[in-house]
C-alpha atoms as a PDB file:
ATOM      1  CA  MET A   1      11.539 -27.682  38.115  1.00  0.00           C
ATOM      2  CA  ASP A   2      12.630 -28.447  34.594  1.00  0.00           C
ATOM      3  CA  MET A   3      11.075 -27.974  31.256  1.00  0.00           C
ATOM      4  CA  SER A   4       8.811 -31.290  31.700  1.00  0.00           C
ATOM      5  CA  ASN A   5       6.986 -30.098  34.735  1.00  0.00           C
ATOM      6  CA  LEU A   6       5.797 -26.812  33.121  1.00  0.00           C
ATOM      7  CA  GLN A   7       2.358 -26.413  32.958  1.00  0.00           C
ATOM      8  CA  PRO A   8       0.159 -23.626  32.377  1.00  0.00           C
ATOM      9  CA  ALA A   9      -1.353 -21.519  35.807  1.00  0.00           C
ATOM     10  CA  ALA A  10      -4.933 -22.640  36.819  1.00  0.00           C
ATOM     11  CA  GLY A  11      -7.538 -20.981  34.704  1.00  0.00           C
ATOM     12  CA  ALA A  12      -5.228 -19.651  32.063  1.00  0.00           C
ATOM     13  CA  THR A  13      -6.425 -22.105  29.235  1.00  0.00           C
ATOM     14  CA  LYS A  14     -10.022 -22.621  28.032  1.00  0.00           C
ATOM     15  CA  ASN A  15     -11.469 -26.206  26.735  1.00  0.00           C
ATOM     16  CA  ASP A  16     -12.203 -25.396  22.733  1.00  0.00           C
ATOM     17  CA  ASN A  17     -14.573 -28.112  22.516  1.00  0.00           C
ATOM     18  CA  PHE A  18     -17.475 -26.368  24.859  1.00  0.00           C
ATOM     19  CA  ARG A  19     -20.640 -26.345  23.755  1.00  0.00           C
ATOM     20  CA  ARG A  20     -22.743 -23.576  23.580  1.00  0.00           C
ATOM     21  CA  GLY A  21     -26.703 -22.812  23.345  1.00  0.00           C
ATOM     22  CA  ARG A  22     -27.408 -26.514  24.992  1.00  0.00           C
ATOM     23  CA  GLY A  23     -30.088 -25.354  27.747  1.00  0.00           C
ATOM     24  CA  HIS A  24     -29.952 -23.062  30.731  1.00  0.00           C
ATOM     25  CA  GLY A  25     -28.050 -25.918  32.855  1.00  0.00           C
ATOM     26  CA  SER A  26     -25.092 -25.456  30.981  1.00  0.00           C
ATOM     27  CA  GLY A  27     -24.651 -22.001  31.776  1.00  0.00           C
ATOM     28  CA  ASN A  28     -24.210 -20.522  28.419  1.00  0.00           C
ATOM     29  CA  GLY A  29     -27.609 -21.786  26.835  1.00  0.00           C
ATOM     30  CA  LYS A  30     -30.662 -19.718  25.402  1.00  0.00           C
ATOM     31  CA  THR A  31     -28.546 -16.854  23.398  1.00  0.00           C
ATOM     32  CA  ALA A  32     -25.035 -19.081  23.557  1.00  0.00           C
ATOM     33  CA  GLY A  33     -23.193 -15.762  24.745  1.00  0.00           C
ATOM     34  CA  LYS A  34     -24.516 -13.702  21.867  1.00  0.00           C
ATOM     35  CA  GLY A  35     -26.693 -11.639  23.941  1.00  0.00           C
ATOM     36  CA  HIS A  36     -30.159 -10.471  22.639  1.00  0.00           C
ATOM     37  CA  LYS A  37     -30.753  -9.194  19.085  1.00  0.00           C
ATOM     38  CA  GLY A  38     -28.815  -7.178  17.190  1.00  0.00           C
ATOM     39  CA  GLN A  39     -26.974  -7.746  13.961  1.00  0.00           C
ATOM     40  CA  LYS A  40     -23.969  -9.541  16.114  1.00  0.00           C
ATOM     41  CA  ALA A  41     -26.514 -11.950  17.152  1.00  0.00           C
ATOM     42  CA  ARG A  42     -27.374 -13.201  13.883  1.00  0.00           C
ATOM     43  CA  SER A  43     -25.757 -15.543  11.632  1.00  0.00           C
ATOM     44  CA  GLY A  44     -23.408 -14.023   8.910  1.00  0.00           C
ATOM     45  CA  ALA A  45     -22.267 -11.170  11.347  1.00  0.00           C
ATOM     46  CA  PRO A  46     -19.818  -8.685   9.369  1.00  0.00           C
ATOM     47  CA  ARG A  47     -16.606  -9.632   9.295  1.00  0.00           C
ATOM     48  CA  ILE A  48     -13.485  -8.245  11.583  1.00  0.00           C
ATOM     49  CA  GLY A  49     -12.653  -4.468  10.947  1.00  0.00           C
ATOM     50  CA  PHE A  50     -16.610  -4.109   9.421  1.00  0.00           C
ATOM     51  CA  GLU A  51     -17.520  -0.454  10.172  1.00  0.00           C
ATOM     52  CA  GLY A  52     -21.149  -0.438   8.871  1.00  0.00           C
ATOM     53  CA  GLY A  53     -20.661   0.458   4.890  1.00  0.00           C
ATOM     54  CA  GLN A  54     -18.161   3.096   5.951  1.00  0.00           C
ATOM     55  CA  MET A  55     -14.753   3.340   4.357  1.00  0.00           C
ATOM     56  CA  PRO A  56     -12.749   1.141   6.847  1.00  0.00           C
ATOM     57  CA  LEU A  57      -9.911   2.149   8.755  1.00  0.00           C
ATOM     58  CA  TYR A  58      -7.608   0.075   6.765  1.00  0.00           C
ATOM     59  CA  ARG A  59      -8.066   1.438   3.992  1.00  0.00           C
ATOM     60  CA  ARG A  60      -8.509   5.078   5.143  1.00  0.00           C
ATOM     61  CA  ILE A  61      -5.146   5.488   6.509  1.00  0.00           C
ATOM     62  CA  PRO A  62      -2.281   5.668   3.101  1.00  0.00           C
ATOM     63  CA  LYS A  63       0.255   3.230   2.427  1.00  0.00           C
ATOM     64  CA  ARG A  64       4.024   3.624   3.008  1.00  0.00           C
ATOM     65  CA  GLY A  65       6.926   2.767   1.623  1.00  0.00           C
ATOM     66  CA  PHE A  66       8.034   0.367  -1.147  1.00  0.00           C
ATOM     67  CA  LYS A  67       9.791  -2.795  -1.573  1.00  0.00           C
ATOM     68  CA  ASN A  68      12.186  -3.067  -4.550  1.00  0.00           C
ATOM     69  CA  ARG A  69      11.440  -6.470  -5.976  1.00  0.00           C
ATOM     70  CA  ASN A  70      14.848  -6.751  -7.026  1.00  0.00           C
ATOM     71  CA  HIS A  71      16.587  -5.770  -3.685  1.00  0.00           C
ATOM     72  CA  LYS A  72      19.436  -7.796  -2.713  1.00  0.00           C
ATOM     73  CA  ASP A  73      20.255  -8.413   0.534  1.00  0.00           C
ATOM     74  CA  ILE A  74      24.018  -7.784   0.779  1.00  0.00           C
ATOM     75  CA  ILE A  75      26.070  -8.338   4.216  1.00  0.00           C
ATOM     76  CA  ALA A  76      28.618  -5.912   4.863  1.00  0.00           C
ATOM     77  CA  ILE A  77      31.744  -6.733   7.069  1.00  0.00           C
ATOM     78  CA  ASN A  78      35.158  -4.628   7.639  1.00  0.00           C
ATOM     79  CA  VAL A  79      38.424  -5.921   7.383  1.00  0.00           C
ATOM     80  CA  SER A  80      38.913  -5.830  10.539  1.00  0.00           C
ATOM     81  CA  ALA A  81      36.798  -8.841  11.049  1.00  0.00           C
ATOM     82  CA  LEU A  82      39.344 -10.858   8.690  1.00  0.00           C
ATOM     83  CA  GLU A  83      41.943 -10.608  11.570  1.00  0.00           C
ATOM     84  CA  ARG A  84      40.768 -13.534  13.020  1.00  0.00           C
ATOM     85  CA  PHE A  85      42.080 -15.701  10.176  1.00  0.00           C
ATOM     86  CA  ASP A  86      45.469 -17.233   9.377  1.00  0.00           C
ATOM     87  CA  ASN A  87      47.744 -15.777   7.112  1.00  0.00           C
ATOM     88  CA  GLY A  88      47.775 -17.177   3.636  1.00  0.00           C
ATOM     89  CA  THR A  89      44.091 -18.136   4.129  1.00  0.00           C
ATOM     90  CA  GLU A  90      41.756 -18.009   0.953  1.00  0.00           C
ATOM     91  CA  ILE A  91      38.564 -16.057   2.240  1.00  0.00           C
ATOM     92  CA  ASN A  92      35.103 -16.321   0.278  1.00  0.00           C
ATOM     93  CA  GLU A  93      31.665 -16.468   1.276  1.00  0.00           C
ATOM     94  CA  GLU A  94      31.735 -20.441   2.786  1.00  0.00           C
ATOM     95  CA  THR A  95      35.152 -19.820   5.086  1.00  0.00           C
ATOM     96  CA  LEU A  96      33.327 -16.691   6.459  1.00  0.00           C
ATOM     97  CA  LEU A  97      30.040 -18.920   6.765  1.00  0.00           C
ATOM     98  CA  ALA A  98      32.274 -21.663   8.394  1.00  0.00           C
ATOM     99  CA  ASN A  99      34.125 -19.461  10.768  1.00  0.00           C
ATOM    100  CA  GLY A 100      31.255 -17.441  12.160  1.00  0.00           C
ATOM    101  CA  VAL A 101      31.874 -13.986  10.861  1.00  0.00           C
ATOM    102  CA  ILE A 102      28.710 -13.758   8.778  1.00  0.00           C
ATOM    103  CA  LYS A 103      25.268 -15.608   9.928  1.00  0.00           C
ATOM    104  CA  LYS A 104      24.014 -16.910   6.504  1.00  0.00           C
ATOM    105  CA  VAL A 105      24.766 -16.445   2.927  1.00  0.00           C
ATOM    106  CA  CYS A 106      22.280 -13.951   1.286  1.00  0.00           C
ATOM    107  CA  ASP A 107      22.756 -12.123  -1.958  1.00  0.00           C
ATOM    108  CA  GLY A 108      26.206 -11.483  -1.520  1.00  0.00           C
ATOM    109  CA  VAL A 109      28.978 -10.336   0.840  1.00  0.00           C
ATOM    110  CA  LYS A 110      31.051  -6.985   0.730  1.00  0.00           C
ATOM    111  CA  ILE A 111      33.873  -5.981   2.671  1.00  0.00           C
ATOM    112  CA  LEU A 112      34.292  -2.430   3.657  1.00  0.00           C
ATOM    113  CA  GLY A 113      37.459  -0.566   4.625  1.00  0.00           C
ATOM    114  CA  GLY A 114      36.925  -0.163   8.530  1.00  0.00           C
ATOM    115  CA  GLY A 115      39.776  -1.085  10.914  1.00  0.00           C
ATOM    116  CA  GLU A 116      42.958  -2.578  10.510  1.00  0.00           C
ATOM    117  CA  LEU A 117      44.335  -5.877   8.683  1.00  0.00           C
ATOM    118  CA  THR A 118      47.484  -7.423   9.525  1.00  0.00           C
ATOM    119  CA  LYS A 119      47.531 -11.006   7.886  1.00  0.00           C
ATOM    120  CA  LYS A 120      48.442 -11.824   4.683  1.00  0.00           C
ATOM    121  CA  LEU A 121      44.978 -13.175   2.827  1.00  0.00           C
ATOM    122  CA  THR A 122      43.594 -14.174  -0.367  1.00  0.00           C
ATOM    123  CA  VAL A 123      39.679 -12.308  -1.029  1.00  0.00           C
ATOM    124  CA  SER A 124      38.000 -14.016  -3.783  1.00  0.00           C
ATOM    125  CA  GLY A 125      34.200 -14.215  -4.404  1.00  0.00           C
ATOM    126  CA  CYS A 126      33.277 -11.271  -2.253  1.00  0.00           C
ATOM    127  CA  MET A 127      32.674  -7.767  -3.638  1.00  0.00           C
ATOM    128  CA  VAL A 128      35.553  -5.614  -1.770  1.00  0.00           C
ATOM    129  CA  SER A 129      35.198  -1.501  -1.337  1.00  0.00           C
ATOM    130  CA  GLU A 130      38.535   0.396  -2.903  1.00  0.00           C
ATOM    131  CA  GLY A 131      39.513   1.439   0.969  1.00  0.00           C
ATOM    132  CA  ALA A 132      39.095  -2.304   1.803  1.00  0.00           C
ATOM    133  CA  LYS A 133      41.010  -3.348  -1.444  1.00  0.00           C
ATOM    134  CA  ALA A 134      43.771  -1.014  -0.483  1.00  0.00           C
ATOM    135  CA  LYS A 135      44.584  -2.357   2.874  1.00  0.00           C
ATOM    136  CA  ILE A 136      44.468  -5.879   1.905  1.00  0.00           C
ATOM    137  CA  GLU A 137      47.310  -5.463  -0.649  1.00  0.00           C
ATOM    138  CA  ALA A 138      49.012  -3.179   1.979  1.00  0.00           C
ATOM    139  CA  ALA A 139      49.351  -6.278   4.001  1.00  0.00           C
ATOM    140  CA  GLY A 140      50.269  -8.389   1.464  1.00  0.00           C
ATOM    141  CA  GLY A 141      47.201  -9.864   0.362  1.00  0.00           C
ATOM    142  CA  LYS A 142      45.395 -10.078  -2.679  1.00  0.00           C
ATOM    143  CA  VAL A 143      41.816  -9.379  -4.112  1.00  0.00           C
ATOM    144  CA  THR A 144      40.368 -11.634  -6.836  1.00  0.00           C
ATOM    145  CA  GLU A 145      37.421 -10.293  -8.523  1.00  0.00           C
ATOM    146  CA  GLU A 146      35.176 -12.658 -10.299  1.00  0.00           C
END
């Protein structure tokens, strides 16, 4: 069994080109699966969610929350994540991305003060908290803010 042998179970898929309303012999003739009379049997039947003129459920339920269009997606990492780099390394968004510390570059990266740091690193092009800045400089590193 491999990916090239996979197929859906018998009866799990239906053919979309089935011809409805083509006589009794087809098994789906006369009313073509719409039953007898009524609004849903006619052409121009109401859209999904229509409740006969009553205020529909999706309009009765209040909207929740707020989406700020000026929101910035900042990725937060701790100084302990910088421990994987060698001494004297220049840390920026590109080196963090290349070494798998972050998965993608969004609107910015902020380094927070969680954990310990023993390496001497130079951090540039990232936001740095006060605690993280103190730990980086205590380890002999340097923070340049742009």
